[in-house]
Protein backbone atom coordinates (compact mmCIF):
# COMPACT_ATOMS: atom_id res chain seq x y z
CA MET A 1 61.71 146.50 257.28
CA ARG A 2 63.57 143.82 255.29
CA ALA A 3 61.13 144.12 252.35
CA ASN A 4 61.75 147.87 252.35
CA ILE A 5 65.53 147.34 252.11
CA ILE A 6 65.15 144.85 249.24
CA PHE A 7 62.77 147.19 247.42
CA THR A 8 65.13 150.13 247.86
CA ALA A 9 68.12 148.12 246.64
CA THR A 10 66.15 146.84 243.64
CA ILE A 11 65.17 150.36 242.61
CA SER A 12 68.44 152.09 243.51
CA ALA A 13 70.93 149.71 241.89
CA PRO A 14 69.80 150.15 238.25
CA LEU A 15 69.50 153.90 238.76
CA PHE A 16 73.02 154.10 240.22
CA ILE A 17 74.44 151.91 237.46
CA GLY A 18 72.72 154.05 234.81
CA MET A 19 74.14 157.20 236.33
CA ALA A 20 77.62 155.68 236.38
CA ALA A 21 77.36 154.67 232.72
CA ALA A 22 76.46 158.17 231.50
CA PRO A 23 79.92 159.71 232.08
CA ALA A 24 81.56 156.68 230.48
CA PHE A 25 79.56 157.29 227.30
CA ALA A 26 80.47 160.95 227.29
CA ALA A 27 84.17 160.09 227.65
CA LEU A 28 84.16 157.67 224.70
CA PRO A 29 87.68 157.65 223.20
CA CYS A 30 87.94 159.16 219.75
CA LYS A 31 88.73 155.94 217.86
CA ASP A 32 85.95 154.06 219.67
CA ASN A 33 83.53 156.86 218.87
CA ILE A 34 84.43 156.60 215.17
CA ALA A 35 84.09 152.81 215.21
CA GLN A 36 80.67 153.04 216.85
CA VAL A 37 79.38 155.61 214.36
CA GLU A 38 80.83 153.71 211.39
CA ALA A 39 79.16 150.49 212.56
CA SER A 40 75.81 152.28 212.81
CA TRP A 41 76.36 153.98 209.46
CA ASN A 42 77.26 150.71 207.76
CA SER A 43 74.25 148.92 209.23
CA VAL A 44 71.68 151.15 207.51
CA GLU A 45 70.62 150.82 203.93
CA LYS A 46 71.67 153.95 202.13
CA ASN A 47 69.67 155.30 199.24
CA TYR A 48 71.80 158.49 199.26
CA LEU A 49 68.71 160.63 199.04
CA GLY A 50 68.22 160.19 202.76
CA HIS A 51 71.91 159.69 203.55
CA PRO A 52 73.90 162.41 201.82
CA GLN A 53 77.57 162.00 200.96
CA SER A 54 78.34 164.79 203.42
CA TYR A 55 77.83 162.36 206.31
CA GLU A 56 80.43 159.98 204.90
CA ASP A 57 82.68 163.00 204.47
CA ASP A 58 82.08 163.91 208.13
CA ILE A 59 83.19 160.42 209.20
CA HIS A 60 86.33 160.76 207.07
CA LYS A 61 87.06 164.24 208.49
CA ALA A 62 86.48 162.90 212.02
CA ARG A 63 89.10 160.19 211.39
CA GLU A 64 91.58 162.87 210.32
CA ALA A 65 90.73 165.12 213.30
CA CYS A 66 91.14 162.19 215.68
CA ALA A 67 94.55 161.34 214.20
CA ALA A 68 95.56 165.00 214.66
CA GLY A 69 94.51 164.90 218.32
CA LYS A 70 91.44 167.11 217.78
CA GLU A 71 88.90 165.01 219.69
CA ALA A 72 86.40 167.84 220.17
CA GLU A 73 86.26 168.46 216.42
CA ALA A 74 85.94 164.73 215.70
CA THR A 75 83.13 164.43 218.24
CA ARG A 76 81.29 167.41 216.71
CA LEU A 77 81.48 165.87 213.25
CA LEU A 78 80.38 162.46 214.51
CA ASP A 79 77.51 164.00 216.48
CA ASP A 80 76.11 165.34 213.19
CA VAL A 81 76.12 161.80 211.80
CA ARG A 82 74.70 160.40 215.05
CA ALA A 83 71.86 162.93 214.94
CA HIS A 84 71.11 162.01 211.32
CA LEU A 85 71.03 158.30 212.20
CA GLY A 86 68.85 158.93 215.24
CA ILE A 87 71.38 157.56 217.73
CA PRO A 88 72.35 159.47 220.90
CA THR A 89 74.84 162.27 220.42
CA ILE A 90 77.67 162.99 222.82
CA ASN A 91 78.13 166.78 222.89
CA ARG A 92 75.63 168.11 220.39
CA ALA A 93 73.45 170.93 221.63
CA PRO A 94 69.77 170.83 220.66
CA THR A 95 69.05 172.36 217.26
CA PRO A 96 67.63 175.86 217.73
CA ALA A 97 64.15 176.57 216.38
CA GLY A 98 64.40 177.50 212.74
CA GLY A 99 67.23 175.19 211.65
CA LYS A 100 70.97 174.68 212.14
């Protein structure tokens, strides 16, 4: 019986913690979201063939949207950059078959 309780606690705790962390990621404040994306963007080597200027423009536009209180717009712009970098997006829907 005791081994069963320990096993259950060992399995359940990380699952519960992971579930609790998911909403926190989704509720990432606008400025923190920008900082996280900028850090990821700055950490990759850019050859500008694979990292178009439009993504840097999206980060700039997201900063402006955030300052104007338009968090949803900022998140949408940053999700495009996140998807390009291969890091998890926050609100981006899967790309439909056939493109954007």
